[in-house]
Amino acid sequence: MTFDVARIRADFPILGREVNGHPLAYLDSGATSQKPVQVLDAVRAHNERHNANVSRSVHTLGTEATMAYEGARAKVAAFINAGTPDEIVFTKNSTEAINLVAYSLGQHLKLGPGDEIVISEMEHHSNIVPWQLLCERTGATLRWFGITDEGRLDESGLEELVNERTRLVALVHVSNVLGTINDVSRIAARARQVGALVLLDSSQAVPHLPVDVRELGVDFIAFTGHKMLAPTGIGVLWGRFELLAKMPPFLGGGSMIETVTMGGTTYAAPPARFEAGTPPIAEAVGLGAAVDYLTALGMAEVHQHEQDITAYALKALADVPGVRVVGPLTPEGRGGTVSFAVDGVHPHDVGQILDAQGVQVRVGHHCAKPTCVRFGVPALTRASFYLYTTTEEVDALVRGLDQVKKVFG
């Protein structure tokens, strides 16, 4: 099937608006994606006709809401090829999913001095800070992979870094700054060799390329709905069921219990054990609709489109004087995120001038300060692409950068 971007864009009402008198060029999908009418309609229809709490009622609306919520779980499980829907835990975002693992798995593993957790320099803060906090609580040691000058994960010290003291390796699947797609097969194999577990932050992977958790050979992945066409407020933790079943609860309250007495409580089986209180029901329905939309397009086709756009952008930016791309300079092994610095111009100024031209980009350290430090910059400008991005929008970015050079030249 031909990837018809014009037809796809017709599903996204926001893409038809203007910003500051210019056609909107939305190049910030790495921060949050836009939503198609299919998702907007699904959420509205749920709230208008099926709104009720889940797993609590035998009345018709409660049953409909529960079926929709659990139906979304089943769709997500199939989307990433989970072994069972019971391996899908709904959270409010990927940050909460990672914190859940840090808290609950940390308790299960009974970490202490001498134990080690391994991350990397290219992590989002949400895959750094929870592990720092865990190490502070337990006395475990945090270690990390470096980044090569080309923006790739430096695996040269793999055998020494992942060793018999390693209990967990937590890595980003696709860098939100560099765009690097990490092939974690060697790291996962080494982790298994020494008996360590592996978590992937797949926030920038699941929305953009085919992800099969059974092929990855890891133990947990975390991702979020709002980066894959769904509403905000809904995230996903996938974990191998046998591990989830051993982990204690993250939050206590309603729906996560088996039985409660004044003397003590026993807990429900996963995933309910980790979904205390009223969950994000309508948001889960929206995520299910987003999964339907992406499935119909085909994730391999989505990824190919993004690679084509990224190749076009890398070539176009290479021709702009004073622009330095940070990260891999070819589309191979990278996703649709391109971060760059403009000589002599702070990214905030770049972003403001681009916004005046209708071009929406992200500026700052992108919640990845160690990555910026590694490349000697305080902040970067980031253009991030998705299934609705066009070459014309990249052209608008380049014209905007020409304007930046005129203002600060």
Protein backbone atom coordinates (compact mmCIF):
# COMPACT_ATOMS: atom_id res chain seq x y z
CA MET A 1 0.00 0.00 0.00
CA THR A 2 1.30 3.45 -0.92
CA PHE A 3 1.94 5.63 2.11
CA ASP A 4 -0.42 8.48 1.29
CA VAL A 5 0.66 11.36 3.51
CA ALA A 6 -1.95 13.75 2.11
CA ARG A 7 -4.73 11.31 2.98
CA ILE A 8 -3.24 10.76 6.45
CA ARG A 9 -2.97 14.49 7.10
CA ALA A 10 -6.66 14.91 6.33
CA ASP A 11 -7.34 12.89 9.50
CA PHE A 12 -5.60 15.51 11.68
CA PRO A 13 -7.68 18.69 12.00
CA ILE A 14 -4.93 20.68 13.72
CA LEU A 15 -2.60 20.33 10.73
CA GLY A 16 -4.88 22.59 8.72
CA ARG A 17 -4.46 25.63 10.96
CA GLU A 18 -2.12 28.60 10.60
CA VAL A 19 0.39 29.94 13.13
CA ASN A 20 1.45 33.58 12.92
CA GLY A 21 0.01 33.82 9.43
CA HIS A 22 1.90 30.81 8.10
CA PRO A 23 0.78 27.22 7.48
CA LEU A 24 1.50 25.14 10.58
CA ALA A 25 4.66 23.04 10.26
CA TYR A 26 4.46 20.78 13.30
CA LEU A 27 7.93 19.36 13.92
CA ASP A 28 7.60 18.51 17.61
CA SER A 29 6.10 15.02 17.55
CA GLY A 30 8.91 13.75 19.79
CA ALA A 31 7.35 15.81 22.57
CA THR A 32 3.76 14.89 21.75
CA SER A 33 2.03 13.72 18.60
CA GLN A 34 -1.07 15.20 17.09
CA LYS A 35 -4.34 13.22 17.26
CA PRO A 36 -6.44 11.97 14.34
CA VAL A 37 -10.21 12.33 14.27
CA GLN A 38 -10.51 8.57 14.80
CA VAL A 39 -8.94 8.93 18.25
CA LEU A 40 -10.77 12.16 19.09
CA ASP A 41 -14.09 10.57 18.10
CA ALA A 42 -13.42 7.40 20.11
CA VAL A 43 -12.76 9.37 23.29
CA ARG A 44 -15.77 11.62 22.76
CA ALA A 45 -18.07 8.67 22.01
CA HIS A 46 -16.92 6.88 25.15
CA ASN A 47 -17.56 9.92 27.34
CA GLU A 48 -20.91 10.63 25.68
CA ARG A 49 -22.36 7.11 25.69
CA HIS A 50 -20.35 4.68 27.85
CA ASN A 51 -18.89 6.69 30.73
CA ALA A 52 -18.73 4.68 33.96
CA ASN A 53 -16.10 3.29 36.30
CA VAL A 54 -14.45 -0.04 35.49
CA SER A 55 -14.25 -3.35 37.32
CA ARG A 56 -16.74 -2.22 39.97
CA SER A 57 -20.25 -2.47 38.58
CA VAL A 58 -22.61 -5.04 37.08
CA HIS A 59 -24.76 -2.38 35.42
CA THR A 60 -24.71 -1.88 31.66
CA LEU A 61 -22.55 1.24 31.51
CA GLY A 62 -20.00 -0.21 33.91
CA THR A 63 -19.81 -3.38 31.84
CA GLU A 64 -19.38 -1.39 28.62
CA ALA A 65 -16.63 0.74 30.15
CA THR A 66 -14.81 -2.31 31.49
CA MET A 67 -15.01 -4.05 28.13
CA ALA A 68 -13.63 -0.96 26.38
CA TYR A 69 -10.81 -0.56 28.90
CA GLU A 70 -9.79 -4.21 28.79
CA GLY A 71 -10.25 -4.22 25.02
CA ALA A 72 -7.65 -1.45 24.80
CA ARG A 73 -5.29 -3.56 26.90
CA ALA A 74 -5.71 -6.47 24.50
CA LYS A 75 -5.04 -4.20 21.50
CA VAL A 76 -1.82 -2.90 23.05
CA ALA A 77 -0.71 -6.45 23.89
CA ALA A 78 -1.21 -7.55 20.28
CA PHE A 79 0.52 -4.40 18.97
CA ILE A 80 3.80 -5.24 20.73
CA ASN A 81 3.30 -9.04 20.61
CA ALA A 82 3.03 -9.51 24.37
CA GLY A 83 2.44 -13.03 25.58
CA THR A 84 -0.86 -12.07 27.23
CA PRO A 85 -2.86 -8.88 27.94
CA ASP A 86 -2.08 -9.49 31.62
CA GLU A 87 1.48 -8.35 30.87
CA ILE A 88 0.19 -4.85 30.04
CA VAL A 89 0.01 -2.43 32.96
CA PHE A 90 -1.62 0.94 32.27
CA THR A 91 0.11 3.92 33.88
CA LYS A 92 -0.23 7.65 33.32
CA ASN A 93 2.95 7.85 31.21
CA SER A 94 6.29 6.13 30.59
CA THR A 95 7.87 8.04 33.48
CA GLU A 96 5.43 6.44 35.91
CA ALA A 97 6.05 3.05 34.30
CA ILE A 98 9.81 3.33 34.86
CA ASN A 99 9.31 4.55 38.43
CA LEU A 100 7.00 1.59 39.04
CA VAL A 101 9.78 -0.80 38.04
CA ALA A 102 12.39 1.10 40.04
CA TYR A 103 10.25 0.92 43.17
CA SER A 104 8.66 -2.50 42.90
CA LEU A 105 11.45 -4.43 41.20
CA GLY A 106 13.93 -2.71 43.48
CA GLN A 107 12.07 -4.14 46.46
CA HIS A 108 11.80 -7.58 44.87
CA LEU A 109 15.53 -7.75 44.07
CA LYS A 110 16.47 -6.60 47.58
CA LEU A 111 19.27 -4.47 46.22
CA GLY A 112 22.13 -3.44 48.47
CA PRO A 113 25.77 -2.36 48.50
CA GLY A 114 27.75 -4.24 45.86
CA ASP A 115 24.84 -4.46 43.43
CA GLU A 116 24.97 -2.42 40.23
CA ILE A 117 22.47 -0.83 37.83
CA VAL A 118 23.63 0.14 34.34
CA ILE A 119 22.14 2.95 32.21
CA SER A 120 23.65 5.23 29.54
CA GLU A 121 24.59 8.84 28.92
CA MET A 122 21.85 9.19 26.29
CA GLU A 123 18.93 8.59 28.65
CA HIS A 124 15.96 10.87 29.22
CA HIS A 125 15.90 12.06 32.82
CA SER A 126 13.00 9.69 33.49
CA ASN A 127 15.41 6.79 32.94
CA ILE A 128 18.16 8.33 35.08
CA VAL A 129 16.59 9.88 38.17
CA PRO A 130 14.52 6.84 39.31
CA TRP A 131 17.69 4.70 39.28
CA GLN A 132 19.67 7.36 41.13
CA LEU A 133 16.94 7.44 43.77
CA LEU A 134 16.94 3.64 43.98
CA CYS A 135 20.71 3.59 44.45
CA GLU A 136 20.42 6.23 47.17
CA ARG A 137 17.83 4.11 48.98
CA THR A 138 19.70 0.83 48.71
CA GLY A 139 23.40 1.59 48.48
CA ALA A 140 23.64 0.05 45.01
CA THR A 141 25.98 1.59 42.44
CA LEU A 142 24.90 3.30 39.20
CA ARG A 143 27.12 2.85 36.13
CA TRP A 144 26.63 3.85 32.50
CA PHE A 145 27.52 3.38 28.86
CA GLY A 146 29.05 6.35 27.07
CA ILE A 147 28.22 7.81 23.67
CA THR A 148 30.53 7.80 20.65
CA ASP A 149 31.32 10.99 18.74
CA GLU A 150 28.91 9.76 16.05
CA GLY A 151 26.06 9.61 18.55
CA ARG A 152 25.96 5.85 18.95
CA LEU A 153 25.95 3.86 22.17
CA ASP A 154 29.54 2.98 23.11
CA GLU A 155 29.47 -0.76 23.73
CA SER A 156 33.26 -1.15 23.78
CA GLY A 157 33.28 -1.79 27.54
CA LEU A 158 30.23 -4.09 27.55
CA GLU A 159 31.90 -7.11 29.16
CA GLU A 160 33.30 -5.05 32.03
CA LEU A 161 30.28 -2.79 32.48
CA VAL A 162 27.63 -5.52 32.56
CA ASN A 163 29.08 -8.05 34.98
CA GLU A 164 28.16 -10.45 37.76
CA ARG A 165 27.31 -7.52 40.04
CA THR A 166 24.80 -6.08 37.54
CA ARG A 167 21.18 -6.62 38.56
CA LEU A 168 19.46 -4.42 35.97
CA VAL A 169 20.28 -2.67 32.69
CA ALA A 170 17.93 0.22 31.80
CA LEU A 171 18.45 1.72 28.34
CA VAL A 172 16.70 4.03 25.93
CA HIS A 173 15.43 2.20 22.85
CA VAL A 174 15.51 5.29 20.60
CA SER A 175 17.20 8.48 21.81
CA ASN A 176 14.87 11.46 22.11
CA VAL A 177 17.77 13.82 21.30
CA LEU A 178 20.15 11.97 18.99
CA GLY A 179 17.54 9.90 17.16
CA THR A 180 19.78 6.84 17.60
CA ILE A 181 18.04 3.47 17.45
CA ASN A 182 19.89 1.21 19.86
CA ASP A 183 20.27 -2.40 18.80
CA VAL A 184 20.18 -3.90 22.26
CA SER A 185 20.69 -7.52 21.21
CA ARG A 186 24.32 -7.76 22.38
CA ILE A 187 23.54 -5.99 25.66
CA ALA A 188 20.48 -8.16 26.31
CA ALA A 189 22.50 -11.31 25.59
CA ARG A 190 25.25 -10.18 27.97
CA ALA A 191 22.66 -9.33 30.65
CA ARG A 192 21.19 -12.82 30.39
CA GLN A 193 24.68 -14.29 30.63
CA VAL A 194 25.26 -12.62 34.00
CA GLY A 195 21.68 -12.99 35.27
CA ALA A 196 20.70 -9.32 34.98
CA LEU A 197 17.31 -7.97 33.87
CA VAL A 198 16.77 -5.44 31.06
CA LEU A 199 14.32 -2.52 30.79
CA LEU A 200 13.91 -0.44 27.65
CA ASP A 201 12.54 3.08 27.58
CA SER A 202 10.62 2.66 24.31
CA SER A 203 8.83 6.01 24.40
CA GLN A 204 10.36 7.01 21.05
CA ALA A 205 10.30 3.47 19.61
CA VAL A 206 6.81 1.99 19.91
CA PRO A 207 5.16 4.98 18.13
CA HIS A 208 7.59 4.88 15.23
CA LEU A 209 8.74 1.37 14.32
CA PRO A 210 7.69 -2.27 14.68
CA VAL A 211 8.33 -3.48 18.24
CA ASP A 212 8.08 -7.14 19.20
CA VAL A 213 8.82 -7.61 22.89
CA ARG A 214 9.43 -11.32 22.50
CA GLU A 215 12.02 -10.75 19.79
CA LEU A 216 13.76 -8.03 21.81
CA GLY A 217 14.66 -10.48 24.55
CA VAL A 218 14.17 -7.93 27.34
CA ASP A 219 12.15 -8.03 30.54
CA PHE A 220 10.33 -4.69 30.60
CA ILE A 221 9.50 -1.87 28.19
CA ALA A 222 7.87 1.46 28.95
CA PHE A 223 6.11 3.78 26.53
CA THR A 224 3.46 6.47 26.48
CA GLY A 225 0.25 7.07 24.56
CA HIS A 226 0.54 10.77 23.80
CA LYS A 227 3.55 10.19 21.53
CA MET A 228 1.59 7.66 19.44
CA LEU A 229 -1.59 9.58 18.52
CA ALA A 230 -3.38 8.87 21.83
CA PRO A 231 -4.42 11.28 24.59
CA THR A 232 -2.12 12.41 27.37
CA GLY A 233 -2.43 10.66 30.72
CA ILE A 234 -2.05 7.07 29.51
CA GLY A 235 1.18 5.09 29.47
CA VAL A 236 2.17 1.44 29.33
CA LEU A 237 4.49 -0.87 31.19
CA TRP A 238 5.01 -4.26 29.60
CA GLY A 239 6.73 -6.83 31.76
CA ARG A 240 7.21 -10.57 31.66
CA PHE A 241 4.31 -11.91 33.70
CA GLU A 242 6.44 -14.11 35.93
CA LEU A 243 8.37 -11.02 37.00
CA LEU A 244 5.29 -8.84 37.50
CA ALA A 245 3.78 -11.59 39.65
CA LYS A 246 6.77 -11.44 42.01
CA MET A 247 6.87 -7.66 42.35
CA PRO A 248 5.06 -5.91 45.23
CA PRO A 249 2.54 -3.13 44.54
CA PHE A 250 3.65 0.36 43.62
CA LEU A 251 0.55 2.15 44.95
CA GLY A 252 -2.06 0.93 47.40
CA GLY A 253 -5.81 1.47 47.21
CA GLY A 254 -8.89 0.24 45.45
CA SER A 255 -8.88 -2.43 42.74
CA MET A 256 -5.35 -3.70 43.43
CA ILE A 257 -6.32 -5.97 46.30
CA GLU A 258 -7.34 -9.58 46.65
CA THR A 259 -8.66 -9.18 50.19
CA VAL A 260 -8.31 -6.57 52.93
CA THR A 261 -8.64 -7.03 56.68
CA MET A 262 -7.65 -4.69 59.46
CA GLY A 263 -4.73 -7.00 60.09
CA GLY A 264 -3.33 -7.09 56.57
CA THR A 265 -3.93 -7.21 52.83
CA THR A 266 -3.25 -9.60 50.00
CA TYR A 267 -2.88 -8.34 46.47
CA ALA A 268 -4.49 -9.00 43.12
CA ALA A 269 -2.57 -10.64 40.32
CA PRO A 270 -0.99 -8.41 37.67
CA PRO A 271 -1.93 -6.15 36.01
CA ALA A 272 -4.58 -5.10 38.56
CA ARG A 273 -1.95 -5.17 41.32
CA PHE A 274 -0.31 -2.13 39.73
CA GLU A 275 -3.45 -0.16 38.81
CA ALA A 276 -4.69 1.22 42.11
CA GLY A 277 -7.68 3.55 42.01
CA THR A 278 -9.73 4.70 39.06
CA PRO A 279 -7.55 4.35 35.96
CA PRO A 280 -7.43 6.64 32.89
CA ILE A 281 -10.38 4.94 31.21
CA ALA A 282 -11.24 7.29 28.35
CA GLU A 283 -7.53 7.76 27.70
CA ALA A 284 -7.10 3.99 27.39
CA VAL A 285 -9.97 3.92 24.91
CA GLY A 286 -8.15 6.61 22.93
CA LEU A 287 -4.95 4.56 23.04
CA GLY A 288 -6.84 1.57 21.69
CA ALA A 289 -8.12 3.69 18.81
CA ALA A 290 -4.57 4.95 18.16
CA VAL A 291 -3.31 1.37 18.02
CA ASP A 292 -6.05 0.57 15.49
CA TYR A 293 -4.98 3.55 13.37
CA LEU A 294 -1.29 2.64 13.44
CA THR A 295 -1.99 -1.03 12.80
CA ALA A 296 -4.02 -0.17 9.71
CA LEU A 297 -1.12 1.91 8.35
CA GLY A 298 1.53 -0.67 9.20
CA MET A 299 4.44 0.16 11.48
CA ALA A 300 7.05 -0.86 8.91
CA GLU A 301 5.51 1.67 6.53
CA VAL A 302 5.45 4.34 9.23
CA HIS A 303 9.13 3.74 9.96
CA GLN A 304 10.07 3.84 6.29
CA HIS A 305 8.26 7.15 5.80
CA GLU A 306 10.10 8.64 8.77
CA GLN A 307 13.44 7.38 7.45
CA ASP A 308 12.70 9.02 4.11
CA ILE A 309 11.82 12.32 5.80
CA THR A 310 14.88 12.08 8.04
CA ALA A 311 17.19 11.47 5.08
CA TYR A 312 15.68 14.50 3.36
CA ALA A 313 16.10 16.63 6.50
CA LEU A 314 19.70 15.57 7.13
CA LYS A 315 20.63 16.46 3.56
CA ALA A 316 18.78 19.79 3.72
CA LEU A 317 20.34 20.80 7.04
CA ALA A 318 23.80 19.87 5.81
CA ASP A 319 23.44 22.65 3.23
CA VAL A 320 22.60 25.33 5.83
CA PRO A 321 25.76 27.22 6.87
CA GLY A 322 26.46 27.24 10.61
CA VAL A 323 24.12 24.35 11.47
CA ARG A 324 25.67 21.36 13.24
CA VAL A 325 23.60 18.20 13.62
CA VAL A 326 24.26 16.31 16.86
CA GLY A 327 23.78 12.58 16.36
CA PRO A 328 24.13 10.14 13.46
CA LEU A 329 24.42 11.90 10.11
CA THR A 330 22.79 9.13 8.07
CA PRO A 331 19.23 7.76 8.40
CA GLU A 332 20.44 4.20 8.98
CA GLY A 333 19.89 3.11 12.57
CA ARG A 334 18.17 6.32 13.56
CA GLY A 335 14.64 7.52 14.08
CA GLY A 336 12.84 10.66 12.98
CA THR A 337 14.46 13.08 15.40
CA VAL A 338 17.12 15.58 14.33
CA SER A 339 18.75 17.86 16.91
CA PHE A 340 21.10 20.63 15.94
CA ALA A 341 22.97 23.72 17.05
CA VAL A 342 23.17 27.00 15.14
CA ASP A 343 26.52 28.73 15.50
CA GLY A 344 26.32 31.78 17.73
CA VAL A 345 22.57 31.57 18.32
CA HIS A 346 20.88 30.23 21.45
CA PRO A 347 18.24 27.57 20.73
CA HIS A 348 15.54 29.67 22.43
CA ASP A 349 16.14 32.43 19.88
CA VAL A 350 16.10 29.86 17.08
CA GLY A 351 12.79 28.51 18.33
CA GLN A 352 11.17 31.94 18.56
CA ILE A 353 12.15 32.92 15.02
CA LEU A 354 10.97 29.57 13.68
CA ASP A 355 7.66 29.95 15.51
CA ALA A 356 7.18 33.32 13.83
CA GLN A 357 7.37 31.39 10.55
CA GLY A 358 4.82 28.80 11.74
CA VAL A 359 7.46 26.13 12.41
CA GLN A 360 7.05 24.34 15.73
CA VAL A 361 10.23 22.78 17.14
CA ARG A 362 11.53 21.91 20.59
CA VAL A 363 14.37 23.83 22.22
CA GLY A 364 16.30 23.21 25.44
CA HIS A 365 18.08 20.23 26.96
CA HIS A 366 15.15 17.92 26.17
CA CYS A 367 15.25 16.31 29.64
CA ALA A 368 18.59 14.80 28.65
CA LYS A 369 21.22 17.09 30.15
CA PRO A 370 23.99 14.45 30.24
CA THR A 371 23.62 14.03 26.46
CA CYS A 372 24.01 17.78 25.93
CA VAL A 373 27.03 17.84 28.23
CA ARG A 374 28.58 14.97 26.25
CA PHE A 375 28.42 17.06 23.08
CA GLY A 376 29.46 20.31 24.71
CA VAL A 377 26.23 22.25 24.27
CA PRO A 378 23.92 23.78 26.90
CA ALA A 379 20.85 23.15 24.75
CA LEU A 380 19.76 22.14 21.26
CA THR A 381 17.00 22.75 18.74
CA ARG A 382 15.11 19.58 17.88
CA ALA A 383 12.91 18.81 14.89
CA SER A 384 11.02 15.54 15.27
CA PHE A 385 8.93 13.87 12.60
CA TYR A 386 6.02 11.48 12.40
CA LEU A 387 3.72 9.76 9.94
CA TYR A 388 2.12 13.05 8.88
CA THR A 389 5.37 14.98 8.29
CA THR A 390 6.06 16.24 4.76
CA THR A 391 9.14 17.41 2.90
CA GLU A 392 7.42 20.78 2.55
CA GLU A 393 7.51 21.14 6.34
CA VAL A 394 11.23 20.39 6.31
CA ASP A 395 11.62 23.06 3.62
CA ALA A 396 9.79 25.48 5.91
CA LEU A 397 12.29 24.63 8.66
CA VAL A 398 15.21 25.39 6.35
CA ARG A 399 13.64 28.71 5.28
CA GLY A 400 13.17 29.56 8.93
CA LEU A 401 16.83 28.82 9.65
CA ASP A 402 17.78 31.12 6.78
CA GLN A 403 15.78 33.80 8.60
CA VAL A 404 17.67 32.99 11.83
CA LYS A 405 20.96 33.57 10.01
CA LYS A 406 19.71 36.90 8.63
CA VAL A 407 18.68 38.11 12.09
CA PHE A 408 21.84 36.94 13.87
CA GLY A 409 24.23 36.87 10.92
